[in-house]
Amino acid sequence: MLDKFLARYIESKRKRFIMKRLINLFPILFVATLVAFLMMRVGRGPHYIARHVLGVYATEEMIEAFLVEHGLHRPLHQQYTDWIIGLFRGDLGTSLRFGNPVGELIMNRIPITFQLMGLALSISIILGITGGVIGALYHNTWVDYVTEIQALFWISAPSFWVGVMFSLIFGLRLGLLPTSGYNGFEYLILPAVVLGLRLQAIIARLTRSSMLSVLNKEYIKTAKTKGLKRRIVIIKHGLRNALIPVLTIIAMRIPWLFGGAMVTEQVFNIPGMGRLIYTGAMNFDFILVQSSILLISMIAVFANLTADILYTFVDPRIDLEETPET
């Protein structure tokens, strides 16, 4: 009876915690829309934008027509209001570079980027947590030194250089994997490995330090003295508590994966969101870029929310306290 009461109590606390975090998202998303809107406009007047898009030979009549067509002749607050209303209607505007609806362009490109990010994240989590745990268990041995050296190497190596080297070795020389374009899942394996290696290095180092801290706790020593199997002590009592800061860093690195995907997609010529944003920025397609920036911001916010929710399942005691902001 007591166990059922405690379970219901913890579940109700978890639901209230999740609702509170969802409510807190609204001001964050408002700031995200404001930043995305102003980023392409501050310091550049509408005439500058029009001339950049139309070219140096554009006449004043062409510029004025462009400003009216895209609403740039209106005050900034009215432009912002129109954009927000369009967002609620599902209208992200029309791309200046491609001439297609921005929502259509994003929907065509984002599945490829999500596949790339998902595969890279899976590789980084598996390799990072495994390497960190092994490094902690074999602390100050050659195994620990190897895991630390590889982590430092991948953190220091520039992503574009790693991408070029992997293309030369595994693509051109060995012929194991395709190195350019996208025509199936196998085209994402090489760029996902390149993208995931740096993140796995960060996860490995954090997991190692967190595991070393947890393994010295009294409850771990007590579990060992009770005769529990080493595997149970490490996974159930050690790793479960050590994962909390790891979840934080994974959630905070989701936007970084977008940035890394932008570089990786350029190196491997993958038609994903990275190339779409890059093309839009180079052509001053502010309508496309501001919607893409908002999308990345929303992904970052919801990734942090997901991490906060996962905390309560990794360690149920956390939802009874004030969870630190991620």
Protein backbone atom coordinates (compact mmCIF):
# COMPACT_ATOMS: atom_id res chain seq x y z
CA MET A 1 0.00 0.00 0.00
CA LEU A 2 2.79 2.43 0.93
CA ASP A 3 4.71 1.59 -2.24
CA LYS A 4 1.64 2.35 -4.39
CA PHE A 5 1.09 5.66 -2.57
CA LEU A 6 4.71 6.71 -3.09
CA ALA A 7 4.55 5.71 -6.76
CA ARG A 8 1.41 7.83 -7.30
CA TYR A 9 2.97 10.73 -5.40
CA ILE A 10 6.15 10.65 -7.48
CA GLU A 11 4.13 10.38 -10.70
CA SER A 12 2.00 13.42 -9.77
CA LYS A 13 5.13 15.41 -8.94
CA ARG A 14 6.62 14.42 -12.28
CA LYS A 15 3.51 15.56 -14.17
CA ARG A 16 3.51 18.94 -12.38
CA PHE A 17 7.22 19.31 -13.11
CA ILE A 18 6.69 18.60 -16.83
CA MET A 19 3.76 21.05 -17.03
CA LYS A 20 5.84 23.75 -15.34
CA ARG A 21 8.67 23.23 -17.81
CA LEU A 22 6.24 23.36 -20.75
CA ILE A 23 4.82 26.68 -19.53
CA ASN A 24 8.34 28.07 -19.17
CA LEU A 25 8.96 27.34 -22.86
CA PHE A 26 6.70 30.15 -24.08
CA PRO A 27 8.92 33.13 -23.09
CA ILE A 28 11.96 31.24 -24.37
CA LEU A 29 10.34 30.61 -27.74
CA PHE A 30 9.27 34.27 -27.92
CA VAL A 31 12.87 35.39 -27.45
CA ALA A 32 13.95 32.83 -30.07
CA THR A 33 11.54 34.26 -32.65
CA LEU A 34 12.73 37.80 -31.87
CA VAL A 35 16.41 36.88 -32.22
CA ALA A 36 15.78 34.93 -35.44
CA PHE A 37 13.86 37.88 -36.89
CA LEU A 38 16.38 40.57 -35.98
CA MET A 39 19.52 38.60 -36.82
CA MET A 40 19.21 39.19 -40.57
CA ARG A 41 17.95 42.76 -40.26
CA VAL A 42 19.90 44.64 -37.58
CA GLY A 43 22.51 46.90 -39.17
CA ARG A 44 21.15 46.34 -42.67
CA GLY A 45 18.35 48.44 -44.04
CA PRO A 46 15.68 47.09 -46.39
CA HIS A 47 17.29 48.78 -49.39
CA TYR A 48 20.56 46.98 -48.65
CA ILE A 49 18.74 43.65 -48.55
CA ALA A 50 16.89 44.39 -51.78
CA ARG A 51 20.02 45.46 -53.65
CA HIS A 52 21.94 42.42 -52.38
CA VAL A 53 19.20 40.08 -53.61
CA LEU A 54 18.43 41.83 -56.92
CA GLY A 55 21.99 42.73 -57.83
CA VAL A 56 23.93 45.94 -58.40
CA TYR A 57 22.09 46.72 -61.64
CA ALA A 58 18.65 46.82 -60.02
CA THR A 59 16.75 50.05 -60.64
CA GLU A 60 14.96 52.05 -57.97
CA GLU A 61 11.62 50.86 -59.35
CA MET A 62 12.71 47.22 -59.03
CA ILE A 63 13.89 47.83 -55.47
CA GLU A 64 10.64 49.52 -54.45
CA ALA A 65 8.61 46.69 -55.98
CA PHE A 66 10.75 44.16 -54.11
CA LEU A 67 10.23 45.96 -50.79
CA VAL A 68 6.46 46.08 -51.25
CA GLU A 69 6.27 42.43 -52.39
CA HIS A 70 8.06 41.17 -49.27
CA GLY A 71 6.66 43.70 -46.82
CA LEU A 72 10.03 45.34 -46.15
CA HIS A 73 8.56 48.81 -46.61
CA ARG A 74 6.63 48.38 -43.37
CA PRO A 75 8.02 49.13 -39.86
CA LEU A 76 9.97 46.34 -38.16
CA HIS A 77 7.30 45.65 -35.55
CA GLN A 78 4.68 45.16 -38.26
CA GLN A 79 7.01 42.85 -40.20
CA TYR A 80 7.57 40.85 -37.02
CA THR A 81 3.84 40.65 -36.31
CA ASP A 82 3.11 39.49 -39.86
CA TRP A 83 5.78 36.81 -39.57
CA ILE A 84 4.42 35.53 -36.25
CA ILE A 85 0.87 35.42 -37.63
CA GLY A 86 2.22 33.50 -40.60
CA LEU A 87 3.94 31.02 -38.29
CA PHE A 88 0.66 30.28 -36.51
CA ARG A 89 -0.95 29.72 -39.89
CA GLY A 90 1.86 27.42 -40.96
CA ASP A 91 3.14 29.93 -43.52
CA LEU A 92 6.91 30.48 -43.21
CA GLY A 93 7.08 32.71 -46.27
CA THR A 94 8.60 32.25 -49.72
CA SER A 95 12.32 31.80 -50.28
CA LEU A 96 14.00 34.64 -52.16
CA ARG A 97 16.66 32.32 -53.55
CA PHE A 98 14.56 29.32 -54.63
CA GLY A 99 11.14 30.92 -55.09
CA ASN A 100 9.46 28.05 -53.22
CA PRO A 101 7.63 28.12 -49.87
CA VAL A 102 10.15 27.91 -47.00
CA GLY A 103 8.10 25.23 -45.25
CA GLU A 104 8.28 23.04 -48.36
CA LEU A 105 12.06 23.50 -48.65
CA ILE A 106 12.58 22.64 -44.98
CA MET A 107 10.34 19.56 -45.14
CA ASN A 108 12.27 18.29 -48.14
CA ARG A 109 15.68 18.80 -46.52
CA ILE A 110 15.23 18.23 -42.80
CA PRO A 111 14.59 14.44 -42.94
CA ILE A 112 18.07 13.97 -44.39
CA THR A 113 19.65 16.13 -41.67
CA PHE A 114 17.66 14.34 -38.95
CA GLN A 115 18.90 10.99 -40.26
CA LEU A 116 22.46 12.30 -40.25
CA MET A 117 22.12 13.76 -36.74
CA GLY A 118 20.36 10.67 -35.39
CA LEU A 119 23.04 8.33 -36.71
CA ALA A 120 25.84 10.62 -35.50
CA LEU A 121 24.21 10.94 -32.06
CA SER A 122 23.79 7.16 -31.76
CA ILE A 123 27.44 6.61 -32.65
CA SER A 124 28.61 9.27 -30.20
CA ILE A 125 26.48 7.97 -27.31
CA ILE A 126 27.47 4.33 -27.76
CA LEU A 127 31.18 5.03 -28.22
CA GLY A 128 31.32 7.87 -25.69
CA ILE A 129 29.58 6.18 -22.77
CA THR A 130 31.35 2.87 -23.41
CA GLY A 131 34.75 4.56 -23.64
CA GLY A 132 34.11 6.68 -20.55
CA VAL A 133 33.02 3.72 -18.44
CA ILE A 134 35.99 1.62 -19.56
CA GLY A 135 38.37 4.51 -18.85
CA ALA A 136 36.94 4.91 -15.34
CA LEU A 137 37.04 1.19 -14.55
CA TYR A 138 40.66 0.91 -15.71
CA HIS A 139 41.73 4.24 -14.22
CA ASN A 140 45.45 5.08 -14.62
CA THR A 141 46.15 2.09 -16.86
CA TRP A 142 47.10 1.98 -20.54
CA VAL A 143 43.43 1.43 -21.42
CA ASP A 144 42.53 4.69 -19.67
CA TYR A 145 45.37 6.51 -21.42
CA VAL A 146 44.23 5.26 -24.84
CA THR A 147 40.65 6.44 -24.28
CA GLU A 148 41.89 9.84 -23.10
CA ILE A 149 44.29 10.27 -26.05
CA GLN A 150 41.64 9.39 -28.63
CA ALA A 151 39.20 11.80 -26.98
CA LEU A 152 41.71 14.64 -27.03
CA PHE A 153 42.57 13.91 -30.66
CA TRP A 154 38.98 14.00 -31.92
CA ILE A 155 38.18 17.12 -29.89
CA SER A 156 41.19 18.93 -31.39
CA ALA A 157 40.83 17.76 -35.00
CA PRO A 158 38.83 20.17 -37.24
CA SER A 159 35.67 18.57 -38.62
CA PHE A 160 36.33 19.60 -42.22
CA TRP A 161 39.84 18.07 -42.08
CA VAL A 162 38.51 14.82 -40.61
CA GLY A 163 35.84 14.76 -43.32
CA VAL A 164 38.38 15.21 -46.12
CA MET A 165 40.72 12.57 -44.64
CA PHE A 166 37.92 10.03 -44.20
CA SER A 167 36.75 10.67 -47.77
CA LEU A 168 40.25 10.07 -49.12
CA ILE A 169 40.91 6.95 -47.04
CA PHE A 170 37.56 5.12 -46.81
CA GLY A 171 36.00 6.46 -49.99
CA LEU A 172 38.58 7.06 -52.70
CA ARG A 173 41.39 4.74 -51.61
CA LEU A 174 39.53 1.80 -50.04
CA GLY A 175 36.22 2.29 -51.86
CA LEU A 176 34.19 1.16 -48.85
CA LEU A 177 31.64 3.99 -48.68
CA PRO A 178 30.29 6.74 -50.98
CA THR A 179 31.79 10.16 -50.35
CA SER A 180 29.45 12.58 -52.11
CA GLY A 181 25.75 13.22 -52.58
CA TYR A 182 22.80 11.37 -51.14
CA ASN A 183 21.07 8.34 -52.61
CA GLY A 184 20.32 6.18 -49.61
CA PHE A 185 21.27 5.50 -46.02
CA GLU A 186 24.78 4.29 -46.87
CA TYR A 187 25.67 7.82 -48.03
CA LEU A 188 25.22 9.04 -44.44
CA ILE A 189 27.49 6.52 -42.70
CA LEU A 190 30.79 8.27 -43.38
CA PRO A 191 29.58 11.83 -42.59
CA ALA A 192 27.78 10.55 -39.46
CA VAL A 193 30.99 8.98 -38.18
CA VAL A 194 32.86 12.23 -38.86
CA LEU A 195 30.15 14.24 -37.10
CA GLY A 196 29.85 11.85 -34.16
CA LEU A 197 33.52 11.37 -33.32
CA ARG A 198 33.99 14.77 -31.68
CA LEU A 199 30.80 14.45 -29.64
CA GLN A 200 31.72 10.95 -28.49
CA ALA A 201 35.04 12.33 -27.29
CA ILE A 202 33.24 14.95 -25.17
CA ILE A 203 30.81 12.34 -23.83
CA ALA A 204 33.64 9.91 -23.08
CA ARG A 205 35.60 12.44 -21.02
CA LEU A 206 32.54 13.57 -19.09
CA THR A 207 31.36 9.99 -18.49
CA ARG A 208 34.81 9.01 -17.26
CA SER A 209 35.06 11.87 -14.76
CA SER A 210 31.46 11.38 -13.61
CA MET A 211 31.96 7.63 -13.16
CA LEU A 212 35.17 8.17 -11.19
CA SER A 213 33.29 10.50 -8.86
CA VAL A 214 30.35 8.10 -8.43
CA LEU A 215 32.51 5.01 -7.89
CA ASN A 216 34.06 6.65 -4.83
CA LYS A 217 30.69 7.25 -3.16
CA GLU A 218 29.77 5.40 0.02
CA TYR A 219 26.70 3.71 -1.45
CA ILE A 220 28.89 2.08 -4.12
CA LYS A 221 31.21 0.72 -1.46
CA THR A 222 28.19 -0.49 0.53
CA ALA A 223 26.80 -2.26 -2.54
CA LYS A 224 30.13 -4.00 -3.05
CA THR A 225 30.31 -5.13 0.57
CA LYS A 226 26.82 -6.64 0.25
CA GLY A 227 28.20 -8.99 -2.36
CA LEU A 228 26.33 -7.63 -5.37
CA LYS A 229 27.71 -8.60 -8.74
CA ARG A 230 30.21 -6.15 -10.19
CA ARG A 231 28.09 -5.67 -13.30
CA ILE A 232 25.03 -4.68 -11.23
CA VAL A 233 27.07 -2.27 -9.10
CA ILE A 234 28.57 -0.59 -12.17
CA ILE A 235 25.42 -0.32 -14.29
CA LYS A 236 22.57 0.03 -11.79
CA HIS A 237 24.27 2.00 -9.03
CA GLY A 238 27.20 3.64 -10.80
CA LEU A 239 26.32 4.43 -14.39
CA ARG A 240 22.72 5.38 -13.65
CA ASN A 241 23.83 8.20 -11.34
CA ALA A 242 26.77 9.18 -13.53
CA LEU A 243 24.51 9.70 -16.55
CA ILE A 244 22.84 12.87 -15.23
CA PRO A 245 25.58 15.34 -16.31
CA VAL A 246 26.04 13.30 -19.50
CA LEU A 247 22.38 13.83 -20.42
CA THR A 248 22.90 17.55 -19.90
CA ILE A 249 25.83 17.77 -22.27
CA ILE A 250 24.06 15.64 -24.90
CA ALA A 251 21.00 17.91 -24.82
CA MET A 252 23.16 21.04 -25.02
CA ARG A 253 25.06 19.62 -27.98
CA ILE A 254 21.99 19.05 -30.16
CA PRO A 255 22.24 22.58 -31.68
CA TRP A 256 25.97 21.99 -32.13
CA LEU A 257 25.10 18.92 -34.20
CA PHE A 258 23.17 21.21 -36.53
CA GLY A 259 26.23 23.42 -36.91
CA GLY A 260 28.45 20.40 -37.44
CA ALA A 261 25.98 19.02 -39.96
CA MET A 262 26.24 22.28 -41.90
CA VAL A 263 30.01 21.80 -42.33
CA THR A 264 29.74 18.04 -42.88
CA GLU A 265 27.02 18.40 -45.49
CA GLN A 266 29.22 20.85 -47.40
CA VAL A 267 32.19 18.47 -47.33
CA PHE A 268 30.13 15.45 -48.42
CA ASN A 269 27.76 17.38 -50.71
CA ILE A 270 24.64 16.22 -48.84
CA PRO A 271 21.42 18.14 -49.66
CA GLY A 272 20.28 18.67 -46.06
CA MET A 273 19.40 21.60 -43.81
CA GLY A 274 23.05 22.60 -43.46
CA ARG A 275 23.45 23.26 -47.16
CA LEU A 276 20.04 24.92 -47.29
CA ILE A 277 20.95 27.42 -44.53
CA TYR A 278 24.38 28.02 -46.06
CA THR A 279 22.88 28.72 -49.48
CA GLY A 280 20.28 31.03 -47.94
CA ALA A 281 22.87 32.97 -45.94
CA MET A 282 25.18 33.38 -48.94
CA ASN A 283 22.29 34.72 -51.03
CA PHE A 284 20.91 36.87 -48.20
CA ASP A 285 17.65 34.93 -48.21
CA PHE A 286 16.54 36.36 -44.86
CA ILE A 287 13.11 34.68 -45.04
CA LEU A 288 14.67 31.23 -45.33
CA VAL A 289 17.41 31.89 -42.77
CA GLN A 290 15.16 33.34 -40.05
CA SER A 291 12.80 30.36 -40.23
CA SER A 292 15.73 27.93 -40.16
CA ILE A 293 17.27 29.69 -37.14
CA LEU A 294 13.92 29.50 -35.35
CA LEU A 295 13.70 25.80 -36.12
CA ILE A 296 17.17 25.18 -34.67
CA SER A 297 16.26 27.20 -31.56
CA MET A 298 13.09 25.17 -31.06
CA ILE A 299 15.01 21.93 -31.38
CA ALA A 300 17.52 23.15 -28.78
CA VAL A 301 14.74 24.17 -26.37
CA PHE A 302 12.88 20.88 -26.67
CA ALA A 303 16.13 18.92 -26.41
CA ASN A 304 16.79 20.60 -23.06
CA LEU A 305 13.21 19.88 -21.98
CA THR A 306 13.69 16.23 -22.93
CA ALA A 307 16.88 16.09 -20.88
CA ASP A 308 15.07 17.54 -17.84
CA ILE A 309 12.32 14.94 -18.18
CA LEU A 310 14.85 12.14 -18.55
CA TYR A 311 16.48 13.25 -15.30
CA THR A 312 13.33 12.30 -13.42
CA PHE A 313 13.48 8.77 -14.79
CA VAL A 314 17.22 8.32 -14.32
CA ASP A 315 16.95 9.55 -10.71
CA PRO A 316 13.32 9.88 -9.44
CA ARG A 317 14.48 12.00 -6.49
CA ILE A 318 15.27 14.92 -8.79
CA ASP A 319 11.67 15.80 -9.58
CA LEU A 320 11.09 16.43 -5.85
CA GLU A 321 13.71 19.15 -5.95
CA GLU A 322 14.49 22.17 -8.11
CA THR A 323 16.07 20.86 -11.27
CA PRO A 324 18.98 22.99 -12.49
CA GLU A 325 18.45 24.80 -15.75
CA THR A 326 20.19 23.29 -18.74
